[in-house]
Amino acid sequence: MIAQLITSFIASAGFGILFNTPKKSLLQCGLSGMIGWAFYIFLADNYVDSALAALIASLVVGLVSQYFAKRYKTPVIIFSVAGIIPLVPGGLAYDAMRNFVENDYNVALQLAAKTFIFSGAIAIGLVFSEVINQIIRKYN
């Protein structure tokens, strides 16, 4: 678990560097990715469906990104894009495409559907975090 948290931190901060994030924000980018991945791993290990775990983890990434954006007076997108990187189902997409190329369409369609569901869950989680932020702002 510790190795996964460290790796997710490095991946998020690394993508922050790749996206020209200000150097002062790299720590927060890494933390947002690490916190989201920790939620995902915890939920997935406790028998929660992977799509639901991704939705909750991306919701957490969005909320953490909103917090960091307010605290450090930086745009939210800096933290949310870097923070969501560990959740992106790149391995599933690769396996789906590989199975398409190998003409194993049954497996390829299953993996592609899982990839789309996972990606949709991530997008919905980020949208929900913004909705929650707007509701909180409205009542404060």
N, C-alpha and C. Protein backbone atom coordinates (compact mmCIF):
# COMPACT_ATOMS: atom_id res chain seq x y z
N MET A 1 0.83 -1.20 0.00
CA MET A 1 0.00 0.00 0.00
C MET A 1 0.87 1.26 0.00
N ILE A 2 1.92 1.28 0.81
CA ILE A 2 2.80 2.45 0.87
C ILE A 2 3.46 2.69 -0.49
N ALA A 3 3.89 1.61 -1.14
CA ALA A 3 4.53 1.75 -2.45
C ALA A 3 3.55 2.34 -3.47
N GLN A 4 2.29 1.93 -3.42
CA GLN A 4 1.29 2.47 -4.34
C GLN A 4 1.03 3.95 -4.06
N LEU A 5 1.01 4.32 -2.79
CA LEU A 5 0.79 5.73 -2.46
C LEU A 5 1.96 6.59 -2.95
N ILE A 6 3.17 6.10 -2.73
CA ILE A 6 4.35 6.85 -3.19
C ILE A 6 4.35 6.95 -4.72
N THR A 7 4.03 5.85 -5.38
CA THR A 7 4.01 5.85 -6.84
C THR A 7 2.94 6.79 -7.39
N SER A 8 1.76 6.79 -6.76
CA SER A 8 0.70 7.69 -7.23
C SER A 8 1.08 9.15 -6.99
N PHE A 9 1.77 9.42 -5.89
CA PHE A 9 2.26 10.79 -5.64
C PHE A 9 3.23 11.21 -6.74
N ILE A 10 4.19 10.34 -7.05
CA ILE A 10 5.19 10.65 -8.07
C ILE A 10 4.54 10.83 -9.44
N ALA A 11 3.57 9.95 -9.76
CA ALA A 11 2.89 10.06 -11.06
C ALA A 11 2.12 11.38 -11.17
N SER A 12 1.42 11.75 -10.13
CA SER A 12 0.65 13.00 -10.17
C SER A 12 1.56 14.21 -10.25
N ALA A 13 2.60 14.22 -9.44
CA ALA A 13 3.54 15.34 -9.49
C ALA A 13 4.28 15.36 -10.83
N GLY A 14 4.60 14.19 -11.35
CA GLY A 14 5.26 14.11 -12.66
C GLY A 14 4.40 14.68 -13.77
N PHE A 15 3.12 14.36 -13.74
CA PHE A 15 2.23 14.94 -14.75
C PHE A 15 2.05 16.43 -14.52
N GLY A 16 2.14 16.85 -13.28
CA GLY A 16 2.13 18.29 -13.02
C GLY A 16 3.30 18.98 -13.69
N ILE A 17 4.45 18.36 -13.64
CA ILE A 17 5.63 18.90 -14.33
C ILE A 17 5.40 18.91 -15.83
N LEU A 18 4.84 17.81 -16.36
CA LEU A 18 4.58 17.69 -17.79
C LEU A 18 3.60 18.75 -18.28
N PHE A 19 2.63 19.11 -17.43
CA PHE A 19 1.63 20.11 -17.79
C PHE A 19 2.03 21.54 -17.40
N ASN A 20 3.31 21.74 -17.08
CA ASN A 20 3.84 23.06 -16.72
C ASN A 20 3.13 23.69 -15.53
N THR A 21 2.85 22.88 -14.54
CA THR A 21 2.27 23.38 -13.30
C THR A 21 3.32 24.22 -12.58
N PRO A 22 2.91 25.30 -11.94
CA PRO A 22 3.89 26.08 -11.17
C PRO A 22 4.59 25.19 -10.13
N LYS A 23 5.88 25.41 -9.95
CA LYS A 23 6.67 24.57 -9.06
C LYS A 23 6.14 24.57 -7.63
N LYS A 24 5.57 25.67 -7.20
CA LYS A 24 5.05 25.74 -5.84
C LYS A 24 3.80 24.88 -5.65
N SER A 25 3.18 24.41 -6.74
CA SER A 25 1.96 23.61 -6.66
C SER A 25 2.20 22.12 -6.84
N LEU A 26 3.42 21.71 -7.11
CA LEU A 26 3.68 20.30 -7.40
C LEU A 26 3.40 19.40 -6.20
N LEU A 27 3.70 19.85 -5.01
CA LEU A 27 3.42 19.05 -3.82
C LEU A 27 1.92 18.79 -3.68
N GLN A 28 1.12 19.81 -3.90
CA GLN A 28 -0.33 19.66 -3.80
C GLN A 28 -0.88 18.79 -4.92
N CYS A 29 -0.29 18.88 -6.10
CA CYS A 29 -0.70 18.00 -7.20
C CYS A 29 -0.45 16.54 -6.84
N GLY A 30 0.73 16.27 -6.30
CA GLY A 30 1.04 14.91 -5.88
C GLY A 30 0.13 14.44 -4.77
N LEU A 31 -0.16 15.32 -3.83
CA LEU A 31 -1.05 14.94 -2.72
C LEU A 31 -2.46 14.66 -3.20
N SER A 32 -2.97 15.43 -4.14
CA SER A 32 -4.33 15.18 -4.62
C SER A 32 -4.42 13.83 -5.32
N GLY A 33 -3.41 13.48 -6.11
CA GLY A 33 -3.40 12.16 -6.75
C GLY A 33 -3.24 11.03 -5.75
N MET A 34 -2.41 11.24 -4.76
CA MET A 34 -2.18 10.21 -3.75
C MET A 34 -3.43 9.98 -2.90
N ILE A 35 -4.11 11.05 -2.52
CA ILE A 35 -5.32 10.91 -1.71
C ILE A 35 -6.42 10.20 -2.51
N GLY A 36 -6.58 10.58 -3.77
CA GLY A 36 -7.57 9.92 -4.61
C GLY A 36 -7.27 8.44 -4.80
N TRP A 37 -6.00 8.11 -5.03
CA TRP A 37 -5.63 6.72 -5.21
C TRP A 37 -5.82 5.93 -3.91
N ALA A 38 -5.54 6.55 -2.77
CA ALA A 38 -5.74 5.88 -1.48
C ALA A 38 -7.22 5.52 -1.29
N PHE A 39 -8.10 6.45 -1.64
CA PHE A 39 -9.54 6.16 -1.54
C PHE A 39 -9.91 5.02 -2.48
N TYR A 40 -9.40 5.06 -3.70
CA TYR A 40 -9.73 4.02 -4.67
C TYR A 40 -9.26 2.64 -4.18
N ILE A 41 -8.02 2.56 -3.74
CA ILE A 41 -7.48 1.28 -3.28
C ILE A 41 -8.24 0.78 -2.06
N PHE A 42 -8.52 1.66 -1.11
CA PHE A 42 -9.26 1.26 0.08
C PHE A 42 -10.63 0.69 -0.30
N LEU A 43 -11.34 1.38 -1.18
CA LEU A 43 -12.67 0.92 -1.57
C LEU A 43 -12.61 -0.36 -2.40
N ALA A 44 -11.67 -0.44 -3.33
CA ALA A 44 -11.55 -1.63 -4.17
C ALA A 44 -11.15 -2.85 -3.35
N ASP A 45 -10.31 -2.66 -2.34
CA ASP A 45 -9.91 -3.77 -1.48
C ASP A 45 -11.02 -4.22 -0.54
N ASN A 46 -12.00 -3.34 -0.33
CA ASN A 46 -13.12 -3.68 0.55
C ASN A 46 -14.37 -4.04 -0.25
N TYR A 47 -14.18 -4.63 -1.41
CA TYR A 47 -15.23 -5.23 -2.23
C TYR A 47 -16.26 -4.25 -2.75
N VAL A 48 -15.86 -3.00 -2.97
CA VAL A 48 -16.71 -2.03 -3.65
C VAL A 48 -16.40 -2.15 -5.14
N ASP A 49 -17.42 -2.08 -5.98
CA ASP A 49 -17.24 -2.17 -7.42
C ASP A 49 -16.22 -1.12 -7.89
N SER A 50 -15.40 -1.49 -8.85
CA SER A 50 -14.31 -0.60 -9.28
C SER A 50 -14.85 0.71 -9.87
N ALA A 51 -15.99 0.68 -10.56
CA ALA A 51 -16.55 1.91 -11.11
C ALA A 51 -17.02 2.84 -9.99
N LEU A 52 -17.67 2.29 -8.98
CA LEU A 52 -18.11 3.10 -7.84
C LEU A 52 -16.91 3.63 -7.07
N ALA A 53 -15.89 2.79 -6.92
CA ALA A 53 -14.67 3.24 -6.24
C ALA A 53 -14.01 4.38 -7.01
N ALA A 54 -14.00 4.29 -8.34
CA ALA A 54 -13.43 5.36 -9.16
C ALA A 54 -14.25 6.64 -9.04
N LEU A 55 -15.58 6.50 -9.00
CA LEU A 55 -16.44 7.67 -8.85
C LEU A 55 -16.17 8.37 -7.53
N ILE A 56 -16.10 7.61 -6.45
CA ILE A 56 -15.86 8.20 -5.13
C ILE A 56 -14.45 8.81 -5.06
N ALA A 57 -13.47 8.09 -5.60
CA ALA A 57 -12.10 8.60 -5.57
C ALA A 57 -11.97 9.88 -6.40
N SER A 58 -12.62 9.94 -7.55
CA SER A 58 -12.54 11.17 -8.35
C SER A 58 -13.31 12.30 -7.69
N LEU A 59 -14.38 11.98 -6.98
CA LEU A 59 -15.09 13.00 -6.19
C LEU A 59 -14.17 13.57 -5.13
N VAL A 60 -13.43 12.70 -4.47
CA VAL A 60 -12.47 13.14 -3.45
C VAL A 60 -11.37 14.00 -4.08
N VAL A 61 -10.86 13.57 -5.23
CA VAL A 61 -9.83 14.36 -5.92
C VAL A 61 -10.38 15.74 -6.25
N GLY A 62 -11.61 15.79 -6.72
CA GLY A 62 -12.21 17.09 -7.04
C GLY A 62 -12.36 17.97 -5.82
N LEU A 63 -12.80 17.38 -4.70
CA LEU A 63 -12.96 18.17 -3.48
C LEU A 63 -11.62 18.65 -2.93
N VAL A 64 -10.63 17.77 -2.96
CA VAL A 64 -9.28 18.16 -2.52
C VAL A 64 -8.73 19.25 -3.43
N SER A 65 -8.98 19.12 -4.73
CA SER A 65 -8.51 20.14 -5.68
C SER A 65 -9.18 21.48 -5.42
N GLN A 66 -10.48 21.44 -5.10
CA GLN A 66 -11.19 22.68 -4.77
C GLN A 66 -10.57 23.33 -3.52
N TYR A 67 -10.26 22.50 -2.54
CA TYR A 67 -9.66 23.02 -1.31
C TYR A 67 -8.29 23.66 -1.60
N PHE A 68 -7.45 22.94 -2.34
CA PHE A 68 -6.12 23.47 -2.65
C PHE A 68 -6.22 24.74 -3.48
N ALA A 69 -7.19 24.79 -4.40
CA ALA A 69 -7.34 25.98 -5.24
C ALA A 69 -7.70 27.20 -4.39
N LYS A 70 -8.58 27.02 -3.43
CA LYS A 70 -8.94 28.14 -2.56
C LYS A 70 -7.78 28.53 -1.66
N ARG A 71 -7.15 27.52 -1.09
CA ARG A 71 -6.08 27.78 -0.11
C ARG A 71 -4.87 28.46 -0.74
N TYR A 72 -4.49 28.02 -1.95
CA TYR A 72 -3.28 28.54 -2.57
C TYR A 72 -3.57 29.51 -3.72
N LYS A 73 -4.85 29.89 -3.87
CA LYS A 73 -5.26 30.88 -4.89
C LYS A 73 -4.71 30.52 -6.27
N THR A 74 -5.03 29.31 -6.68
CA THR A 74 -4.58 28.74 -7.95
C THR A 74 -5.80 28.13 -8.64
N PRO A 75 -5.83 28.06 -9.97
CA PRO A 75 -6.97 27.43 -10.64
C PRO A 75 -7.13 25.95 -10.25
N VAL A 76 -8.38 25.52 -10.15
CA VAL A 76 -8.70 24.14 -9.74
C VAL A 76 -8.13 23.13 -10.71
N ILE A 77 -8.13 23.46 -11.98
CA ILE A 77 -7.74 22.50 -13.01
C ILE A 77 -6.31 22.01 -12.82
N ILE A 78 -5.46 22.82 -12.24
CA ILE A 78 -4.07 22.42 -12.00
C ILE A 78 -4.03 21.19 -11.11
N PHE A 79 -4.83 21.18 -10.07
CA PHE A 79 -4.80 20.08 -9.12
C PHE A 79 -5.66 18.91 -9.57
N SER A 80 -6.78 19.18 -10.22
CA SER A 80 -7.67 18.08 -10.59
C SER A 80 -7.11 17.25 -11.74
N VAL A 81 -6.49 17.89 -12.72
CA VAL A 81 -5.93 17.14 -13.84
C VAL A 81 -4.77 16.26 -13.38
N ALA A 82 -3.88 16.83 -12.61
CA ALA A 82 -2.75 16.04 -12.11
C ALA A 82 -3.22 14.99 -11.12
N GLY A 83 -4.22 15.30 -10.31
CA GLY A 83 -4.70 14.38 -9.30
C GLY A 83 -5.48 13.20 -9.85
N ILE A 84 -6.06 13.37 -11.02
CA ILE A 84 -6.88 12.30 -11.58
C ILE A 84 -6.05 11.28 -12.35
N ILE A 85 -4.81 11.60 -12.64
CA ILE A 85 -3.95 10.74 -13.46
C ILE A 85 -3.84 9.31 -12.93
N PRO A 86 -3.65 9.07 -11.64
CA PRO A 86 -3.55 7.68 -11.20
C PRO A 86 -4.83 6.86 -11.43
N LEU A 87 -5.97 7.51 -11.57
CA LEU A 87 -7.22 6.80 -11.75
C LEU A 87 -7.53 6.48 -13.21
N VAL A 88 -6.84 7.09 -14.14
CA VAL A 88 -7.13 6.90 -15.56
C VAL A 88 -6.89 5.44 -15.95
N PRO A 89 -7.87 4.82 -16.61
CA PRO A 89 -7.76 3.39 -16.93
C PRO A 89 -6.95 3.11 -18.20
N GLY A 90 -5.71 3.54 -18.24
CA GLY A 90 -4.88 3.36 -19.42
C GLY A 90 -4.56 1.90 -19.70
N GLY A 91 -4.34 1.12 -18.64
CA GLY A 91 -4.05 -0.30 -18.84
C GLY A 91 -5.23 -1.05 -19.43
N LEU A 92 -6.42 -0.74 -18.97
CA LEU A 92 -7.64 -1.36 -19.52
C LEU A 92 -7.83 -0.99 -20.99
N ALA A 93 -7.60 0.27 -21.31
CA ALA A 93 -7.75 0.71 -22.70
C ALA A 93 -6.72 0.01 -23.60
N TYR A 94 -5.52 -0.13 -23.10
CA TYR A 94 -4.48 -0.83 -23.86
C TYR A 94 -4.87 -2.29 -24.09
N ASP A 95 -5.33 -2.96 -23.04
CA ASP A 95 -5.73 -4.37 -23.18
C ASP A 95 -6.91 -4.52 -24.14
N ALA A 96 -7.86 -3.59 -24.09
CA ALA A 96 -9.00 -3.64 -25.01
C ALA A 96 -8.52 -3.50 -26.45
N MET A 97 -7.66 -2.53 -26.70
CA MET A 97 -7.17 -2.33 -28.06
C MET A 97 -6.33 -3.51 -28.54
N ARG A 98 -5.54 -4.07 -27.65
CA ARG A 98 -4.73 -5.24 -28.02
C ARG A 98 -5.61 -6.41 -28.41
N ASN A 99 -6.71 -6.61 -27.67
CA ASN A 99 -7.62 -7.71 -28.00
C ASN A 99 -8.38 -7.45 -29.29
N PHE A 100 -8.67 -6.18 -29.59
CA PHE A 100 -9.26 -5.88 -30.90
C PHE A 100 -8.30 -6.24 -32.02
N VAL A 101 -7.04 -5.89 -31.86
CA VAL A 101 -6.04 -6.17 -32.89
C VAL A 101 -5.85 -7.68 -33.05
N GLU A 102 -5.95 -8.42 -31.96
CA GLU A 102 -5.80 -9.88 -32.01
C GLU A 102 -7.08 -10.60 -32.40
N ASN A 103 -8.10 -9.86 -32.79
CA ASN A 103 -9.40 -10.39 -33.21
C ASN A 103 -10.13 -11.16 -32.12
N ASP A 104 -9.89 -10.83 -30.88
CA ASP A 104 -10.63 -11.42 -29.76
C ASP A 104 -11.68 -10.41 -29.32
N TYR A 105 -12.73 -10.32 -30.13
CA TYR A 105 -13.70 -9.25 -29.97
C TYR A 105 -14.53 -9.35 -28.71
N ASN A 106 -14.84 -10.55 -28.25
CA ASN A 106 -15.64 -10.68 -27.02
C ASN A 106 -14.92 -10.06 -25.82
N VAL A 107 -13.68 -10.42 -25.64
CA VAL A 107 -12.89 -9.86 -24.54
C VAL A 107 -12.66 -8.37 -24.76
N ALA A 108 -12.38 -7.99 -26.00
CA ALA A 108 -12.12 -6.58 -26.31
C ALA A 108 -13.32 -5.71 -25.99
N LEU A 109 -14.52 -6.15 -26.33
CA LEU A 109 -15.71 -5.37 -26.04
C LEU A 109 -15.97 -5.27 -24.54
N GLN A 110 -15.72 -6.35 -23.82
CA GLN A 110 -15.88 -6.31 -22.36
C GLN A 110 -14.92 -5.31 -21.73
N LEU A 111 -13.67 -5.36 -22.15
CA LEU A 111 -12.68 -4.42 -21.61
C LEU A 111 -12.97 -2.99 -22.02
N ALA A 112 -13.41 -2.80 -23.26
CA ALA A 112 -13.73 -1.45 -23.72
C ALA A 112 -14.92 -0.89 -22.94
N ALA A 113 -15.93 -1.71 -22.70
CA ALA A 113 -17.08 -1.25 -21.92
C ALA A 113 -16.67 -0.89 -20.51
N LYS A 114 -15.81 -1.71 -19.92
CA LYS A 114 -15.33 -1.42 -18.57
C LYS A 114 -14.53 -0.12 -18.55
N THR A 115 -13.73 0.10 -19.59
CA THR A 115 -12.95 1.33 -19.69
C THR A 115 -13.86 2.55 -19.79
N PHE A 116 -14.91 2.46 -20.61
CA PHE A 116 -15.84 3.58 -20.76
C PHE A 116 -16.60 3.85 -19.48
N ILE A 117 -17.01 2.80 -18.79
CA ILE A 117 -17.72 2.98 -17.52
C ILE A 117 -16.80 3.63 -16.49
N PHE A 118 -15.57 3.15 -16.43
CA PHE A 118 -14.59 3.70 -15.49
C PHE A 118 -14.32 5.17 -15.79
N SER A 119 -14.14 5.49 -17.07
CA SER A 119 -13.89 6.89 -17.47
C SER A 119 -15.08 7.77 -17.17
N GLY A 120 -16.27 7.26 -17.43
CA GLY A 120 -17.48 8.01 -17.12
C GLY A 120 -17.63 8.26 -15.63
N ALA A 121 -17.28 7.27 -14.82
CA ALA A 121 -17.35 7.43 -13.37
C ALA A 121 -16.39 8.51 -12.90
N ILE A 122 -15.22 8.57 -13.49
CA ILE A 122 -14.25 9.62 -13.14
C ILE A 122 -14.81 10.99 -13.50
N ALA A 123 -15.38 11.10 -14.69
CA ALA A 123 -15.93 12.39 -15.11
C ALA A 123 -17.10 12.81 -14.22
N ILE A 124 -17.97 11.88 -13.89
CA ILE A 124 -19.12 12.19 -13.03
C ILE A 124 -18.65 12.62 -11.64
N GLY A 125 -17.63 11.95 -11.11
CA GLY A 125 -17.09 12.34 -9.81
C GLY A 125 -16.55 13.76 -9.81
N LEU A 126 -15.85 14.14 -10.86
CA LEU A 126 -15.33 15.51 -10.94
C LEU A 126 -16.47 16.53 -11.06
N VAL A 127 -17.50 16.18 -11.82
CA VAL A 127 -18.64 17.08 -11.95
C VAL A 127 -19.37 17.22 -10.61
N PHE A 128 -19.57 16.10 -9.91
CA PHE A 128 -20.23 16.16 -8.60
C PHE A 128 -19.45 17.01 -7.62
N SER A 129 -18.12 16.94 -7.68
CA SER A 129 -17.33 17.76 -6.75
C SER A 129 -17.55 19.24 -7.03
N GLU A 130 -17.67 19.60 -8.30
CA GLU A 130 -17.94 20.99 -8.65
C GLU A 130 -19.34 21.40 -8.19
N VAL A 131 -20.31 20.51 -8.33
CA VAL A 131 -21.67 20.81 -7.87
C VAL A 131 -21.68 21.01 -6.36
N ILE A 132 -20.99 20.15 -5.63
CA ILE A 132 -20.90 20.30 -4.18
C ILE A 132 -20.26 21.63 -3.82
N ASN A 133 -19.20 21.98 -4.53
CA ASN A 133 -18.53 23.26 -4.29
C ASN A 133 -19.46 24.43 -4.54
N GLN A 134 -20.25 24.39 -5.60
CA GLN A 134 -21.19 25.47 -5.91
C GLN A 134 -22.28 25.57 -4.84
N ILE A 135 -22.75 24.43 -4.34
CA ILE A 135 -23.77 24.44 -3.27
C ILE A 135 -23.19 25.05 -2.00
N ILE A 136 -21.97 24.67 -1.66
CA ILE A 136 -21.33 25.22 -0.46
C ILE A 136 -21.14 26.72 -0.60
N ARG A 137 -20.70 27.18 -1.79
CA ARG A 137 -20.50 28.61 -2.02
C ARG A 137 -21.81 29.39 -1.92
N LYS A 138 -22.88 28.76 -2.41
CA LYS A 138 -24.18 29.44 -2.40
C LYS A 138 -24.66 29.70 -0.99
N TYR A 139 -24.40 28.79 -0.07
CA TYR A 139 -24.88 28.93 1.29
C TYR A 139 -23.89 29.55 2.26
N ASN A 140 -22.72 29.93 1.77
CA ASN A 140 -21.74 30.62 2.62
C ASN A 140 -21.70 32.08 2.36
